[in-house]
Amino acid sequence: MDTPATGLTFRDATDADVDALVALVESAYRGDSSRAGWTTEADFLEGQRTDPEGVLEVIKGPESRLLTVERDGRIVACCQLEHRVDHAYFGMFAVTPTQQGTGLGKIVMAEAERLARETWEATEMRMAVINVREDLIAWYERRGYRRTGETHPFPYGDERYGIPLRADLRFEVLAKPLV
């Protein structure tokens, strides 16, 4: 879908996008490049945020899609959408660090919510956010998401999710009605 007002093109990722999507996600969350934006996790996690296998798993999943956002032929954002039994799940959300704070994230999130409603008739979107990301949680709350009180342990020892620099990490579940 092309959005003329913003010059953005939304499409599902393909196998050919894997390397670019891994690079995008890594740049938004890990290492020095992530510090150009505000979504960095570099202060409490080292190592990878995702890998080619993880991205391919989302692309190939029968109940998932990896929404890819391009501007001028370049991938500038992405997010995972997954149809679960009673809701849609939102994850792997990344915006190029130099374009964070421009409103692009709001546009991507609105499109993801629209797709979840229209594709799967989802009435709720859920996500899991690392608990120490108070700034990011506040951003989601301004978009209508609420803390559910549900948490999940961080997968300490599984370096596919990064190498924790703190012992107090966990995932907090946020939800928003899509009605």
C-alpha atoms as a PDB file:
ATOM      1  CA  MET A   1       0.000   0.000   0.000  1.00  0.00           C
ATOM      2  CA  ASP A   2       1.440   3.390  -0.991  1.00  0.00           C
ATOM      3  CA  THR A   3       0.673   6.350   1.214  1.00  0.00           C
ATOM      4  CA  PRO A   4       1.139   9.464  -0.937  1.00  0.00           C
ATOM      5  CA  ALA A   5       0.921  11.980   1.910  1.00  0.00           C
ATOM      6  CA  THR A   6       3.902  10.392   3.618  1.00  0.00           C
ATOM      7  CA  GLY A   7       5.718   8.840   0.662  1.00  0.00           C
ATOM      8  CA  LEU A   8       5.606   5.491   2.421  1.00  0.00           C
ATOM      9  CA  THR A   9       4.979   2.076   0.923  1.00  0.00           C
ATOM     10  CA  PHE A  10       3.705  -0.716   3.187  1.00  0.00           C
ATOM     11  CA  ARG A  11       4.200  -4.334   2.126  1.00  0.00           C
ATOM     12  CA  ASP A  12       4.829  -7.777   3.542  1.00  0.00           C
ATOM     13  CA  ALA A  13       8.483  -8.726   3.861  1.00  0.00           C
ATOM     14  CA  THR A  14       9.980 -11.364   1.600  1.00  0.00           C
ATOM     15  CA  ASP A  15      13.007 -13.620   1.976  1.00  0.00           C
ATOM     16  CA  ALA A  16      15.008 -11.045  -0.005  1.00  0.00           C
ATOM     17  CA  ASP A  17      14.440  -8.477   2.792  1.00  0.00           C
ATOM     18  CA  VAL A  18      15.916 -10.545   5.620  1.00  0.00           C
ATOM     19  CA  ASP A  19      19.384  -8.964   5.765  1.00  0.00           C
ATOM     20  CA  ALA A  20      18.028  -5.413   5.517  1.00  0.00           C
ATOM     21  CA  LEU A  21      15.438  -6.115   8.228  1.00  0.00           C
ATOM     22  CA  VAL A  22      17.993  -7.634  10.598  1.00  0.00           C
ATOM     23  CA  ALA A  23      20.201  -4.566  10.052  1.00  0.00           C
ATOM     24  CA  LEU A  24      17.253  -2.229  10.696  1.00  0.00           C
ATOM     25  CA  VAL A  25      16.206  -3.947  13.930  1.00  0.00           C
ATOM     26  CA  GLU A  26      19.784  -4.111  15.194  1.00  0.00           C
ATOM     27  CA  SER A  27      20.370  -0.420  14.381  1.00  0.00           C
ATOM     28  CA  ALA A  28      17.236   0.614  16.265  1.00  0.00           C
ATOM     29  CA  TYR A  29      18.023  -1.276  19.477  1.00  0.00           C
ATOM     30  CA  ARG A  30      21.673  -2.289  19.823  1.00  0.00           C
ATOM     31  CA  GLY A  31      25.095  -0.717  19.637  1.00  0.00           C
ATOM     32  CA  ASP A  32      26.181   2.838  19.024  1.00  0.00           C
ATOM     33  CA  SER A  33      23.959   3.317  15.962  1.00  0.00           C
ATOM     34  CA  SER A  34      20.898   2.858  18.168  1.00  0.00           C
ATOM     35  CA  ARG A  35      21.878   5.893  20.233  1.00  0.00           C
ATOM     36  CA  ALA A  36      20.938   8.155  17.288  1.00  0.00           C
ATOM     37  CA  GLY A  37      17.294   7.415  18.176  1.00  0.00           C
ATOM     38  CA  TRP A  38      15.472   7.022  21.464  1.00  0.00           C
ATOM     39  CA  THR A  39      14.577   3.303  21.328  1.00  0.00           C
ATOM     40  CA  THR A  40      18.050   2.024  22.213  1.00  0.00           C
ATOM     41  CA  GLU A  41      18.418  -0.913  24.573  1.00  0.00           C
ATOM     42  CA  ALA A  42      22.223  -0.613  24.504  1.00  0.00           C
ATOM     43  CA  ASP A  43      22.395   0.460  28.155  1.00  0.00           C
ATOM     44  CA  PHE A  44      20.929  -2.796  29.464  1.00  0.00           C
ATOM     45  CA  LEU A  45      21.402  -5.373  26.673  1.00  0.00           C
ATOM     46  CA  GLU A  46      24.360  -6.254  24.486  1.00  0.00           C
ATOM     47  CA  GLY A  47      24.552  -8.742  21.654  1.00  0.00           C
ATOM     48  CA  GLN A  48      21.910  -9.297  19.032  1.00  0.00           C
ATOM     49  CA  ARG A  49      18.267  -8.225  19.041  1.00  0.00           C
ATOM     50  CA  THR A  50      17.333 -10.625  16.247  1.00  0.00           C
ATOM     51  CA  ASP A  51      18.951 -12.782  13.595  1.00  0.00           C
ATOM     52  CA  PRO A  52      18.135 -13.964  10.060  1.00  0.00           C
ATOM     53  CA  GLU A  53      16.481 -17.137  11.371  1.00  0.00           C
ATOM     54  CA  GLY A  54      14.171 -15.159  13.665  1.00  0.00           C
ATOM     55  CA  VAL A  55      13.166 -12.785  10.886  1.00  0.00           C
ATOM     56  CA  LEU A  56      12.540 -15.661   8.461  1.00  0.00           C
ATOM     57  CA  GLU A  57      10.419 -17.406  11.079  1.00  0.00           C
ATOM     58  CA  VAL A  58       8.117 -14.375  11.206  1.00  0.00           C
ATOM     59  CA  ILE A  59       8.015 -14.040   7.410  1.00  0.00           C
ATOM     60  CA  LYS A  60       7.190 -17.730   6.920  1.00  0.00           C
ATOM     61  CA  GLY A  61       4.801 -18.109   9.882  1.00  0.00           C
ATOM     62  CA  PRO A  62       1.304 -19.147   8.767  1.00  0.00           C
ATOM     63  CA  GLU A  63      -0.366 -16.721  11.192  1.00  0.00           C
ATOM     64  CA  SER A  64       2.156 -13.896  10.988  1.00  0.00           C
ATOM     65  CA  ARG A  65       3.458 -11.210   8.711  1.00  0.00           C
ATOM     66  CA  LEU A  66       6.370  -8.825   8.876  1.00  0.00           C
ATOM     67  CA  LEU A  67       5.069  -5.479   7.734  1.00  0.00           C
ATOM     68  CA  THR A  68       7.837  -3.624   5.926  1.00  0.00           C
ATOM     69  CA  VAL A  69       7.783   0.116   5.366  1.00  0.00           C
ATOM     70  CA  GLU A  70       9.756   1.763   2.572  1.00  0.00           C
ATOM     71  CA  ARG A  71      10.461   5.351   1.655  1.00  0.00           C
ATOM     72  CA  ASP A  72      12.202   6.043  -1.651  1.00  0.00           C
ATOM     73  CA  GLY A  73      12.868   2.317  -2.098  1.00  0.00           C
ATOM     74  CA  ARG A  74      14.667   1.988   1.248  1.00  0.00           C
ATOM     75  CA  ILE A  75      13.315   0.053   4.256  1.00  0.00           C
ATOM     76  CA  VAL A  76      12.791   2.561   7.071  1.00  0.00           C
ATOM     77  CA  ALA A  77      10.552   0.642   9.500  1.00  0.00           C
ATOM     78  CA  CYS A  78       9.009  -2.740  10.200  1.00  0.00           C
ATOM     79  CA  CYS A  79       6.783  -4.572  12.639  1.00  0.00           C
ATOM     80  CA  GLN A  80       5.621  -8.106  13.258  1.00  0.00           C
ATOM     81  CA  LEU A  81       1.916  -8.878  13.305  1.00  0.00           C
ATOM     82  CA  GLU A  82       0.767 -12.274  14.466  1.00  0.00           C
ATOM     83  CA  HIS A  83      -2.737 -13.650  14.728  1.00  0.00           C
ATOM     84  CA  ARG A  84      -3.207 -15.419  18.028  1.00  0.00           C
ATOM     85  CA  VAL A  85      -6.326 -17.145  19.314  1.00  0.00           C
ATOM     86  CA  ASP A  86      -8.033 -14.122  20.887  1.00  0.00           C
ATOM     87  CA  HIS A  87      -5.888 -11.154  19.809  1.00  0.00           C
ATOM     88  CA  ALA A  88      -3.206  -9.874  17.449  1.00  0.00           C
ATOM     89  CA  TYR A  89       0.392  -9.619  18.640  1.00  0.00           C
ATOM     90  CA  PHE A  90       2.624  -6.652  17.730  1.00  0.00           C
ATOM     91  CA  GLY A  91       6.392  -7.091  17.880  1.00  0.00           C
ATOM     92  CA  MET A  92       9.757  -6.578  16.199  1.00  0.00           C
ATOM     93  CA  PHE A  93       8.871  -2.891  15.823  1.00  0.00           C
ATOM     94  CA  ALA A  94      11.766  -0.875  14.468  1.00  0.00           C
ATOM     95  CA  VAL A  95      12.191   2.564  12.954  1.00  0.00           C
ATOM     96  CA  THR A  96      15.489   3.779  11.489  1.00  0.00           C
ATOM     97  CA  PRO A  97      17.140   5.705  14.364  1.00  0.00           C
ATOM     98  CA  THR A  98      17.555   8.916  12.352  1.00  0.00           C
ATOM     99  CA  GLN A  99      13.800   8.914  11.592  1.00  0.00           C
ATOM    100  CA  GLN A 100      12.635   8.272  15.143  1.00  0.00           C
ATOM    101  CA  GLY A 101      10.714  11.199  16.585  1.00  0.00           C
ATOM    102  CA  THR A 102       9.338  12.241  13.168  1.00  0.00           C
ATOM    103  CA  GLY A 103       5.902  10.635  13.530  1.00  0.00           C
ATOM    104  CA  LEU A 104       6.821   7.615  11.411  1.00  0.00           C
ATOM    105  CA  GLY A 105       6.287   5.202  14.315  1.00  0.00           C
ATOM    106  CA  LYS A 106       2.761   6.503  14.882  1.00  0.00           C
ATOM    107  CA  ILE A 107       1.931   5.968  11.200  1.00  0.00           C
ATOM    108  CA  VAL A 108       3.321   2.428  11.215  1.00  0.00           C
ATOM    109  CA  MET A 109       1.466   1.530  14.407  1.00  0.00           C
ATOM    110  CA  ALA A 110      -1.838   2.880  13.040  1.00  0.00           C
ATOM    111  CA  GLU A 111      -1.403   0.818   9.864  1.00  0.00           C
ATOM    112  CA  ALA A 112      -0.551  -2.302  11.895  1.00  0.00           C
ATOM    113  CA  GLU A 113      -3.701  -1.869  13.980  1.00  0.00           C
ATOM    114  CA  ARG A 114      -5.805  -1.361  10.853  1.00  0.00           C
ATOM    115  CA  LEU A 115      -4.371  -4.500   9.259  1.00  0.00           C
ATOM    116  CA  ALA A 116      -4.975  -6.585  12.398  1.00  0.00           C
ATOM    117  CA  ARG A 117      -8.620  -5.450  12.465  1.00  0.00           C
ATOM    118  CA  GLU A 118      -9.233  -5.939   8.761  1.00  0.00           C
ATOM    119  CA  THR A 119      -7.174  -9.090   8.148  1.00  0.00           C
ATOM    120  CA  TRP A 120      -8.017 -11.098  11.254  1.00  0.00           C
ATOM    121  CA  GLU A 121     -10.960  -9.163  12.718  1.00  0.00           C
ATOM    122  CA  ALA A 122      -8.816  -8.735  15.827  1.00  0.00           C
ATOM    123  CA  THR A 123     -10.460  -6.797  18.622  1.00  0.00           C
ATOM    124  CA  GLU A 124      -7.300  -6.410  20.697  1.00  0.00           C
ATOM    125  CA  MET A 125      -3.586  -5.859  20.039  1.00  0.00           C
ATOM    126  CA  ARG A 126      -1.002  -7.028  22.571  1.00  0.00           C
ATOM    127  CA  MET A 127       2.730  -6.595  22.855  1.00  0.00           C
ATOM    128  CA  ALA A 128       5.527  -7.377  25.289  1.00  0.00           C
ATOM    129  CA  VAL A 129       7.915  -4.579  26.284  1.00  0.00           C
ATOM    130  CA  ILE A 130      10.981  -4.857  28.493  1.00  0.00           C
ATOM    131  CA  ASN A 131       9.908  -3.487  31.883  1.00  0.00           C
ATOM    132  CA  VAL A 132      12.736  -0.966  32.248  1.00  0.00           C
ATOM    133  CA  ARG A 133      11.690   0.805  29.025  1.00  0.00           C
ATOM    134  CA  GLU A 134       9.511   3.363  30.850  1.00  0.00           C
ATOM    135  CA  ASP A 135       9.889   5.923  28.030  1.00  0.00           C
ATOM    136  CA  LEU A 136       8.738   3.405  25.436  1.00  0.00           C
ATOM    137  CA  ILE A 137       5.887   2.146  27.623  1.00  0.00           C
ATOM    138  CA  ALA A 138       4.751   5.772  28.064  1.00  0.00           C
ATOM    139  CA  TRP A 139       4.843   6.236  24.261  1.00  0.00           C
ATOM    140  CA  TYR A 140       2.599   3.182  23.809  1.00  0.00           C
ATOM    141  CA  GLU A 141       0.274   4.415  26.553  1.00  0.00           C
ATOM    142  CA  ARG A 142      -0.144   7.689  24.641  1.00  0.00           C
ATOM    143  CA  ARG A 143      -1.294   5.523  21.688  1.00  0.00           C
ATOM    144  CA  GLY A 144      -4.009   3.872  23.816  1.00  0.00           C
ATOM    145  CA  TYR A 145      -2.142   0.813  25.134  1.00  0.00           C
ATOM    146  CA  ARG A 146      -2.528  -0.110  28.795  1.00  0.00           C
ATOM    147  CA  ARG A 147      -0.470  -2.205  31.175  1.00  0.00           C
ATOM    148  CA  THR A 148      -2.222  -5.505  31.783  1.00  0.00           C
ATOM    149  CA  GLY A 149      -0.283  -6.504  34.909  1.00  0.00           C
ATOM    150  CA  GLU A 150       0.886  -9.627  33.064  1.00  0.00           C
ATOM    151  CA  THR A 151       4.638 -10.201  32.899  1.00  0.00           C
ATOM    152  CA  HIS A 152       6.919 -12.844  31.430  1.00  0.00           C
ATOM    153  CA  PRO A 153      10.491 -13.639  32.440  1.00  0.00           C
ATOM    154  CA  PHE A 154      13.343 -12.387  30.287  1.00  0.00           C
ATOM    155  CA  PRO A 155      15.104 -15.374  28.659  1.00  0.00           C
ATOM    156  CA  TYR A 156      18.389 -15.033  30.553  1.00  0.00           C
ATOM    157  CA  GLY A 157      20.997 -17.352  29.098  1.00  0.00           C
ATOM    158  CA  ASP A 158      19.475 -17.379  25.594  1.00  0.00           C
ATOM    159  CA  GLU A 159      21.763 -15.047  23.670  1.00  0.00           C
ATOM    160  CA  ARG A 160      19.343 -14.941  20.716  1.00  0.00           C
ATOM    161  CA  TYR A 161      17.571 -12.220  22.741  1.00  0.00           C
ATOM    162  CA  GLY A 162      20.706 -10.395  23.798  1.00  0.00           C
ATOM    163  CA  ILE A 163      23.130 -10.432  26.684  1.00  0.00           C
ATOM    164  CA  PRO A 164      21.582  -8.706  29.718  1.00  0.00           C
ATOM    165  CA  LEU A 165      23.607  -6.124  31.616  1.00  0.00           C
ATOM    166  CA  ARG A 166      21.056  -6.123  34.472  1.00  0.00           C
ATOM    167  CA  ALA A 167      19.396  -8.825  36.553  1.00  0.00           C
ATOM    168  CA  ASP A 168      15.932  -7.231  36.773  1.00  0.00           C
ATOM    169  CA  LEU A 169      14.649  -7.533  33.199  1.00  0.00           C
ATOM    170  CA  ARG A 170      11.261  -8.989  32.372  1.00  0.00           C
ATOM    171  CA  PHE A 171       8.621  -8.466  29.690  1.00  0.00           C
ATOM    172  CA  GLU A 172       5.504  -6.469  30.526  1.00  0.00           C
ATOM    173  CA  VAL A 173       2.384  -7.078  28.445  1.00  0.00           C
ATOM    174  CA  LEU A 174       0.507  -4.070  27.069  1.00  0.00           C
ATOM    175  CA  ALA A 175      -2.882  -4.263  25.346  1.00  0.00           C
ATOM    176  CA  LYS A 176      -5.217  -2.021  23.364  1.00  0.00           C
ATOM    177  CA  PRO A 177      -8.770  -2.626  22.191  1.00  0.00           C
ATOM    178  CA  LEU A 178      -9.062  -2.387  18.387  1.00  0.00           C
ATOM    179  CA  VAL A 179     -12.702  -1.426  18.193  1.00  0.00           C
END
